[in-house]
Amino acid sequence: MSLRVYNSLTRQKELFEPIRPGKVGMYLCGPTVYKSPHIGHMVGPVIFDAIKRYLQHKGYEVTWIVNITDIEDKLIDASLKTGQSVQALAEKYTAEYMECLSLLGIDGIDRFPKASEHIADIIALCQKLIDRGHAYVAEGNVYFDVRSDSDYGKLSRRSIEEQESGGRTVESAGKRNPADFALWKAAKPGEPTWDSPWGKGRPGWHIECSAMSMKFLGETFDFHGGGLDLLFPHHENEIAQSECATGKPFARFWLHNGLTRIKTKVGAEWKDEKMSGSLGNVISARRLIDQLGADLLRYLLLSTHYRRPIEFSDEVITAARKGFAAFPRLFERVQRILGQPLEAISEDMDAAAVELQETPLGDLAHAVLAHRMRFLEAMDDDFNTAGAIAVMHELAGAINAFIETRQLERQREPDALRALAAATLTLRRLGMVLGLFRQDIAPAASPHESGLSEKLMKLLIDLRNEARGRKDFATADRIRNALSEMGVTLEDRADGTVWRV
């Protein structure tokens, strides 16, 4: 199957062919570490983590770089306001960012270069642009001359005239055009500075990403990603300065994820707005991870196509929780039927289908492999994780239907159990391509287990069953609903009621 990817540069889907056969280079713009990470900072890493996993599934060797911006205006402002050094703040919030990535299972990032560690590379890139006539020095600053680049604006489709008419005024007497942007900023009191050929100063934001991405991925690489809000001016300026410095294409594909939005109630009305620190409506990444759990949060973020806005509201979270619960419920059911954990299963449907297809179980084998093919087709269509997850739900439904049709909770037919195990392992492995289901599947808690929690749950389940027996469904529903609000799910089965958190 051929992978097609939407390229923000060309505004169309294009066939993906790596620049170097068998190898893929990816760069994702990382955070400016001046405050604790919010959930918006996790969206890109979760999406690109799934992309890397899928590319590896297809056999590619992938190098993924995420930068840390530890020199930038917002970080300097935070330092001045708090009285803490830029370095101390950067180290603190970098550690928090890394912790959130770890909790979410985002472990495929190969390097986290920091701007402060690549000053020499940044200075060399600035000098190359000066030497090629694309940058100039003014009062200790180095500016990129946008009018020297005939292609400037090709990503955002904005002309230089549009940018100048709606942009800032000229910052100093030496700056030629309002649209020109700083590659190197002259030293100011209270700011971190480094020596350069133009005097003490610090790098501009845009040049940092160009220097670090090309340092580790080469002058031309496959994927450059980031939020849609970075398309202009950050990514536009990256393209301009990088291609003017090298004379080569910078990134082959530009991927932009949709913005994170939040729905909040203001008085009697609901307000849907962009999640932003300036609006004060951000959700702490760590708090949401603790509240929802890593698997559910990943599921929620990947249930929307990466180019669409990601909505956060109570309704969205409730729907995600309900949808995701179908998978652990099925896995627990299969473990109970098989009498062994899923981790003990080694044969998926690819391996089992050869023998099963000539038996009455061949229909299941064909169905599972067809769903697997549709999952791959969805991912090959611009990394459509939402479509892939929809196929996983259909496959889970087919497995549940197979259990019911074969009455596997009562009849343990060996061949049917083998088919069930293979189908379930296939489903789990598809989820793992997206970074889901990587933890061991815990068995459903039984009301017959020991411990205070189990005894209390047995009491509630017994009271509910008694209420149902006397047709007091209001009380029975009240017990179920109250437990559900606490995150406890009851499941009525032929062999009794079990519960899970």
Foldseek 3Di string as FASTA:
>chain_A
DWFWAQFLLVRGTDTDDWPDPQEAEEEEEADAQQDADFVQRCLVLLLVLLVVLVSVVVRHHYAYEYEYELAADSLLVSCVVVVHASVVSSVVRVVNVVVLCVQLVSDRHDDYHYLVVCQVLLLVLLVLCVVLVQWDDDPLWIWGNQVVFPCQCSSVVDDLVNCQVPADDDPDPPDDGRPIDTQWDADDPSHDWDQHPSGITGGHDQSSSLSVSCVPANLEGEEYEYAPVCSPPRVSVSQRSSCSSPVDGHYNGYYHFYFEWEWDDDPNDIDIDGDDVVVVRTHRSVVVCVVQNSQLVSQQSLLAFRRYYRYDDPVSSVVSVVLVVLLLVLQLVLCVLLVHFLVPDDAALVRVQVVQCVDPNVVLSVLLVVLVVQLSVCCSHNHNSSSNSVSLSVLSVVLVVLCVVVVSVVDPDPVSSNSSSNSSNSSCVSVVSSPHPPDTRDHFAALPDDDPVSVVVVVLQVVLVVCVVVPVVVSNVVSQVVVVVVVKHWDQDPVGITIDD
